[in-house]
């Protein structure tokens, strides 16, 4: 049973755009098992590509990667919670999240 969802972006003092951002998410279960993944919005992938094209990173934006990445429409608490619940229902949680 899930005990808590921690969303890194919620701790940022300067706020964030839920549609153009990425954040680490940690899910803590009642047995204190924890899983972590990086949630990235579709729009943020485009923003990162544009930045990388300008800076030359990732072969001028030709590729992008992130470990334990999950693409998502927005990084609101509601959407993240809905996705985590669905992953658990579909028995896909540990395919996306890394045990920590």
N, C-alpha and C. Protein backbone atom coordinates (compact mmCIF):
# COMPACT_ATOMS: atom_id res chain seq x y z
N UNK A 1 0.84 -1.18 0.00
CA UNK A 1 0.00 0.00 0.00
C UNK A 1 0.89 1.25 0.00
N UNK A 2 0.53 2.21 -0.84
CA UNK A 2 1.29 3.44 -0.97
C UNK A 2 1.05 4.34 0.25
N UNK A 3 2.13 4.89 0.79
CA UNK A 3 2.04 5.77 1.95
C UNK A 3 2.16 7.25 1.56
N UNK A 4 3.08 7.55 0.65
CA UNK A 4 3.36 8.96 0.33
C UNK A 4 3.97 9.08 -1.06
N UNK A 5 3.66 10.20 -1.71
CA UNK A 5 4.33 10.57 -2.97
C UNK A 5 5.04 11.90 -2.72
N UNK A 6 6.36 11.91 -2.92
CA UNK A 6 7.15 13.12 -2.78
C UNK A 6 7.50 13.60 -4.18
N UNK A 7 7.22 14.88 -4.44
CA UNK A 7 7.48 15.49 -5.74
C UNK A 7 8.49 16.61 -5.54
N UNK A 8 9.68 16.44 -6.09
CA UNK A 8 10.76 17.39 -5.87
C UNK A 8 10.35 18.82 -6.22
N UNK A 9 9.64 19.00 -7.32
CA UNK A 9 9.28 20.35 -7.79
C UNK A 9 8.47 21.13 -6.75
N UNK A 10 7.72 20.44 -5.93
CA UNK A 10 6.91 21.14 -4.92
C UNK A 10 7.78 21.84 -3.87
N UNK A 11 9.04 21.47 -3.77
CA UNK A 11 9.95 22.10 -2.81
C UNK A 11 10.70 23.29 -3.41
N UNK A 12 10.56 23.51 -4.71
CA UNK A 12 11.27 24.62 -5.34
C UNK A 12 10.67 25.95 -4.91
N UNK A 13 11.51 26.86 -4.47
CA UNK A 13 11.02 28.14 -3.94
C UNK A 13 10.54 29.10 -5.02
N UNK A 14 11.03 28.95 -6.25
CA UNK A 14 10.65 29.90 -7.30
C UNK A 14 9.50 29.40 -8.18
N UNK A 15 8.86 28.30 -7.80
CA UNK A 15 7.73 27.80 -8.57
C UNK A 15 8.17 27.08 -9.83
N UNK A 16 7.17 26.64 -10.60
CA UNK A 16 7.47 25.89 -11.82
C UNK A 16 6.24 25.86 -12.71
N UNK A 17 6.48 25.59 -13.98
CA UNK A 17 5.42 25.47 -14.98
C UNK A 17 5.06 24.00 -15.08
N UNK A 18 3.85 23.61 -14.67
CA UNK A 18 3.50 22.19 -14.63
C UNK A 18 3.51 21.55 -16.02
N UNK A 19 3.45 22.36 -17.08
CA UNK A 19 3.42 21.82 -18.44
C UNK A 19 4.80 21.79 -19.11
N UNK A 20 5.79 22.46 -18.53
CA UNK A 20 7.11 22.54 -19.16
C UNK A 20 8.19 22.38 -18.08
N UNK A 21 8.31 21.17 -17.58
CA UNK A 21 9.26 20.94 -16.49
C UNK A 21 9.54 19.45 -16.36
N UNK A 22 10.53 19.14 -15.55
CA UNK A 22 10.80 17.76 -15.18
C UNK A 22 11.10 17.72 -13.69
N UNK A 23 10.77 16.61 -13.07
CA UNK A 23 10.94 16.51 -11.62
C UNK A 23 11.14 15.06 -11.21
N UNK A 24 11.91 14.87 -10.17
CA UNK A 24 12.02 13.54 -9.59
C UNK A 24 10.80 13.30 -8.71
N UNK A 25 10.34 12.06 -8.72
CA UNK A 25 9.19 11.65 -7.91
C UNK A 25 9.60 10.41 -7.13
N UNK A 26 9.34 10.45 -5.83
CA UNK A 26 9.63 9.30 -4.98
C UNK A 26 8.32 8.80 -4.39
N UNK A 27 8.09 7.51 -4.51
CA UNK A 27 6.91 6.88 -3.92
C UNK A 27 7.38 6.03 -2.75
N UNK A 28 6.77 6.26 -1.60
CA UNK A 28 7.12 5.53 -0.39
C UNK A 28 5.93 4.66 -0.01
N UNK A 29 6.22 3.38 0.22
CA UNK A 29 5.18 2.43 0.58
C UNK A 29 5.16 2.21 2.09
N UNK A 30 4.09 1.62 2.59
CA UNK A 30 3.93 1.42 4.03
C UNK A 30 5.03 0.57 4.64
N UNK A 31 5.66 -0.31 3.85
CA UNK A 31 6.77 -1.12 4.37
C UNK A 31 8.11 -0.39 4.24
N UNK A 32 8.05 0.92 3.92
CA UNK A 32 9.20 1.81 3.74
C UNK A 32 10.03 1.51 2.49
N UNK A 33 9.55 0.65 1.61
CA UNK A 33 10.16 0.48 0.29
C UNK A 33 9.94 1.78 -0.47
N UNK A 34 10.95 2.21 -1.24
CA UNK A 34 10.85 3.45 -2.00
C UNK A 34 11.21 3.20 -3.46
N UNK A 35 10.50 3.91 -4.34
CA UNK A 35 10.82 3.90 -5.76
C UNK A 35 10.96 5.33 -6.25
N UNK A 36 11.87 5.55 -7.19
CA UNK A 36 12.09 6.90 -7.71
C UNK A 36 12.11 6.86 -9.23
N UNK A 37 11.57 7.92 -9.84
CA UNK A 37 11.58 8.07 -11.30
C UNK A 37 11.59 9.56 -11.62
N UNK A 38 12.00 9.88 -12.83
CA UNK A 38 11.98 11.26 -13.31
C UNK A 38 10.79 11.43 -14.24
N UNK A 39 9.91 12.36 -13.89
CA UNK A 39 8.74 12.66 -14.71
C UNK A 39 9.07 13.89 -15.55
N UNK A 40 8.90 13.77 -16.86
CA UNK A 40 9.23 14.85 -17.79
C UNK A 40 8.01 15.12 -18.66
N UNK A 41 7.63 16.40 -18.76
CA UNK A 41 6.48 16.72 -19.61
C UNK A 41 6.89 16.67 -21.08
N UNK A 42 5.89 16.40 -21.91
CA UNK A 42 6.15 16.38 -23.36
C UNK A 42 6.72 17.72 -23.82
N UNK A 43 6.16 18.81 -23.31
CA UNK A 43 6.63 20.14 -23.70
C UNK A 43 8.07 20.37 -23.24
N UNK A 44 8.43 19.83 -22.08
CA UNK A 44 9.79 20.01 -21.58
C UNK A 44 10.81 19.31 -22.46
N UNK A 45 10.44 18.18 -23.05
CA UNK A 45 11.34 17.50 -23.99
C UNK A 45 11.68 18.45 -25.14
N UNK A 46 10.66 19.13 -25.66
CA UNK A 46 10.90 20.09 -26.76
C UNK A 46 11.76 21.26 -26.29
N UNK A 47 11.49 21.77 -25.09
CA UNK A 47 12.29 22.88 -24.54
C UNK A 47 13.74 22.46 -24.35
N UNK A 48 13.94 21.26 -23.82
CA UNK A 48 15.31 20.77 -23.63
C UNK A 48 16.02 20.59 -24.97
N UNK A 49 15.30 20.12 -25.97
CA UNK A 49 15.90 19.96 -27.30
C UNK A 49 16.32 21.31 -27.87
N UNK A 50 15.45 22.31 -27.74
CA UNK A 50 15.79 23.65 -28.23
C UNK A 50 17.00 24.21 -27.50
N UNK A 51 17.05 24.03 -26.18
CA UNK A 51 18.20 24.49 -25.39
C UNK A 51 19.46 23.78 -25.86
N UNK A 52 19.36 22.47 -26.05
CA UNK A 52 20.53 21.70 -26.47
C UNK A 52 20.99 22.08 -27.87
N UNK A 53 20.07 22.43 -28.75
CA UNK A 53 20.45 22.91 -30.08
C UNK A 53 21.24 24.21 -29.97
N UNK A 54 20.84 25.06 -29.03
CA UNK A 54 21.52 26.35 -28.85
C UNK A 54 22.87 26.20 -28.16
N UNK A 55 22.98 25.25 -27.23
CA UNK A 55 24.22 25.11 -26.45
C UNK A 55 25.18 24.08 -27.02
N UNK A 56 24.69 23.24 -27.93
CA UNK A 56 25.53 22.20 -28.49
C UNK A 56 25.50 20.89 -27.71
N UNK A 57 24.79 20.87 -26.60
CA UNK A 57 24.69 19.64 -25.81
C UNK A 57 23.96 18.55 -26.60
N UNK A 58 24.24 17.31 -26.25
CA UNK A 58 23.57 16.14 -26.86
C UNK A 58 23.59 16.22 -28.39
N UNK A 59 24.80 16.46 -28.92
CA UNK A 59 24.98 16.58 -30.37
C UNK A 59 24.02 17.61 -30.96
N UNK A 60 23.99 18.77 -30.35
CA UNK A 60 23.13 19.87 -30.80
C UNK A 60 21.65 19.49 -30.80
N UNK A 61 21.23 18.75 -29.76
CA UNK A 61 19.82 18.39 -29.63
C UNK A 61 19.38 17.20 -30.45
N UNK A 62 20.34 16.44 -30.97
CA UNK A 62 19.98 15.28 -31.79
C UNK A 62 19.47 14.10 -30.96
N UNK A 63 19.77 14.08 -29.65
CA UNK A 63 19.26 13.01 -28.79
C UNK A 63 18.99 13.55 -27.40
N UNK A 64 18.26 12.78 -26.64
CA UNK A 64 17.98 13.11 -25.24
C UNK A 64 17.77 11.80 -24.50
N UNK A 65 18.25 11.74 -23.30
CA UNK A 65 17.98 10.56 -22.49
C UNK A 65 17.91 10.97 -21.02
N UNK A 66 17.21 10.17 -20.26
CA UNK A 66 17.15 10.33 -18.81
C UNK A 66 16.87 8.95 -18.22
N UNK A 67 17.55 8.64 -17.16
CA UNK A 67 17.36 7.35 -16.49
C UNK A 67 16.01 7.34 -15.78
N UNK A 68 15.32 6.21 -15.83
CA UNK A 68 14.04 6.02 -15.14
C UNK A 68 13.05 7.13 -15.51
N UNK A 69 12.94 7.41 -16.81
CA UNK A 69 12.13 8.52 -17.31
C UNK A 69 10.70 8.08 -17.61
N UNK A 70 9.77 8.94 -17.26
CA UNK A 70 8.37 8.74 -17.62
C UNK A 70 7.86 10.04 -18.22
N UNK A 71 7.32 9.98 -19.43
CA UNK A 71 6.76 11.17 -20.08
C UNK A 71 5.33 11.36 -19.59
N UNK A 72 4.96 12.61 -19.36
CA UNK A 72 3.67 12.91 -18.75
C UNK A 72 3.15 14.24 -19.29
N UNK A 73 1.84 14.39 -19.30
CA UNK A 73 1.22 15.62 -19.81
C UNK A 73 1.58 16.84 -18.96
N UNK A 74 1.47 16.70 -17.63
CA UNK A 74 1.82 17.79 -16.73
C UNK A 74 2.32 17.19 -15.43
N UNK A 75 3.03 17.98 -14.63
CA UNK A 75 3.58 17.46 -13.38
C UNK A 75 2.80 17.95 -12.17
N UNK A 76 1.51 18.12 -12.33
CA UNK A 76 0.67 18.45 -11.16
C UNK A 76 0.60 17.23 -10.25
N UNK A 77 0.37 17.48 -8.97
CA UNK A 77 0.24 16.37 -8.01
C UNK A 77 -0.86 15.41 -8.44
N UNK A 78 -1.98 15.93 -8.92
CA UNK A 78 -3.10 15.07 -9.31
C UNK A 78 -2.70 14.14 -10.45
N UNK A 79 -2.09 14.69 -11.49
CA UNK A 79 -1.71 13.86 -12.64
C UNK A 79 -0.67 12.82 -12.24
N UNK A 80 0.33 13.24 -11.47
CA UNK A 80 1.36 12.30 -11.03
C UNK A 80 0.74 11.19 -10.18
N UNK A 81 -0.14 11.55 -9.26
CA UNK A 81 -0.80 10.55 -8.42
C UNK A 81 -1.63 9.58 -9.26
N UNK A 82 -2.38 10.12 -10.21
CA UNK A 82 -3.19 9.27 -11.10
C UNK A 82 -2.31 8.28 -11.86
N UNK A 83 -1.17 8.75 -12.35
CA UNK A 83 -0.26 7.88 -13.11
C UNK A 83 0.32 6.80 -12.21
N UNK A 84 0.76 7.17 -11.01
CA UNK A 84 1.32 6.19 -10.08
C UNK A 84 0.29 5.12 -9.75
N UNK A 85 -0.93 5.53 -9.46
CA UNK A 85 -2.00 4.57 -9.15
C UNK A 85 -2.25 3.64 -10.33
N UNK A 86 -2.26 4.19 -11.55
CA UNK A 86 -2.47 3.36 -12.73
C UNK A 86 -1.33 2.37 -12.94
N UNK A 87 -0.10 2.82 -12.75
CA UNK A 87 1.05 1.92 -12.88
C UNK A 87 0.97 0.78 -11.87
N UNK A 88 0.54 1.09 -10.66
CA UNK A 88 0.37 0.04 -9.64
C UNK A 88 -0.73 -0.93 -10.03
N UNK A 89 -1.86 -0.40 -10.52
CA UNK A 89 -2.98 -1.25 -10.94
C UNK A 89 -2.57 -2.18 -12.08
N UNK A 90 -1.77 -1.64 -13.01
CA UNK A 90 -1.35 -2.41 -14.19
C UNK A 90 -0.12 -3.28 -13.91
N UNK A 91 0.36 -3.27 -12.67
CA UNK A 91 1.55 -4.02 -12.27
C UNK A 91 2.76 -3.62 -13.11
N UNK A 92 2.88 -2.32 -13.41
CA UNK A 92 3.99 -1.80 -14.21
C UNK A 92 4.87 -0.84 -13.41
N UNK A 93 4.55 -0.64 -12.14
CA UNK A 93 5.26 0.35 -11.33
C UNK A 93 6.77 0.13 -11.36
N UNK A 94 7.22 -1.09 -11.07
CA UNK A 94 8.65 -1.35 -10.97
C UNK A 94 9.33 -1.43 -12.34
N UNK A 95 8.57 -1.39 -13.41
CA UNK A 95 9.15 -1.28 -14.74
C UNK A 95 9.58 0.16 -15.02
N UNK A 96 8.94 1.10 -14.33
CA UNK A 96 9.21 2.52 -14.53
C UNK A 96 10.09 3.07 -13.41
N UNK A 97 9.78 2.72 -12.18
CA UNK A 97 10.48 3.25 -11.02
C UNK A 97 11.67 2.37 -10.64
N UNK A 98 12.71 3.02 -10.13
CA UNK A 98 13.89 2.31 -9.65
C UNK A 98 13.80 2.21 -8.13
N UNK A 99 14.06 1.04 -7.60
CA UNK A 99 14.05 0.84 -6.15
C UNK A 99 15.24 1.59 -5.55
N UNK A 100 14.99 2.29 -4.45
CA UNK A 100 16.09 3.02 -3.80
C UNK A 100 16.12 2.76 -2.32
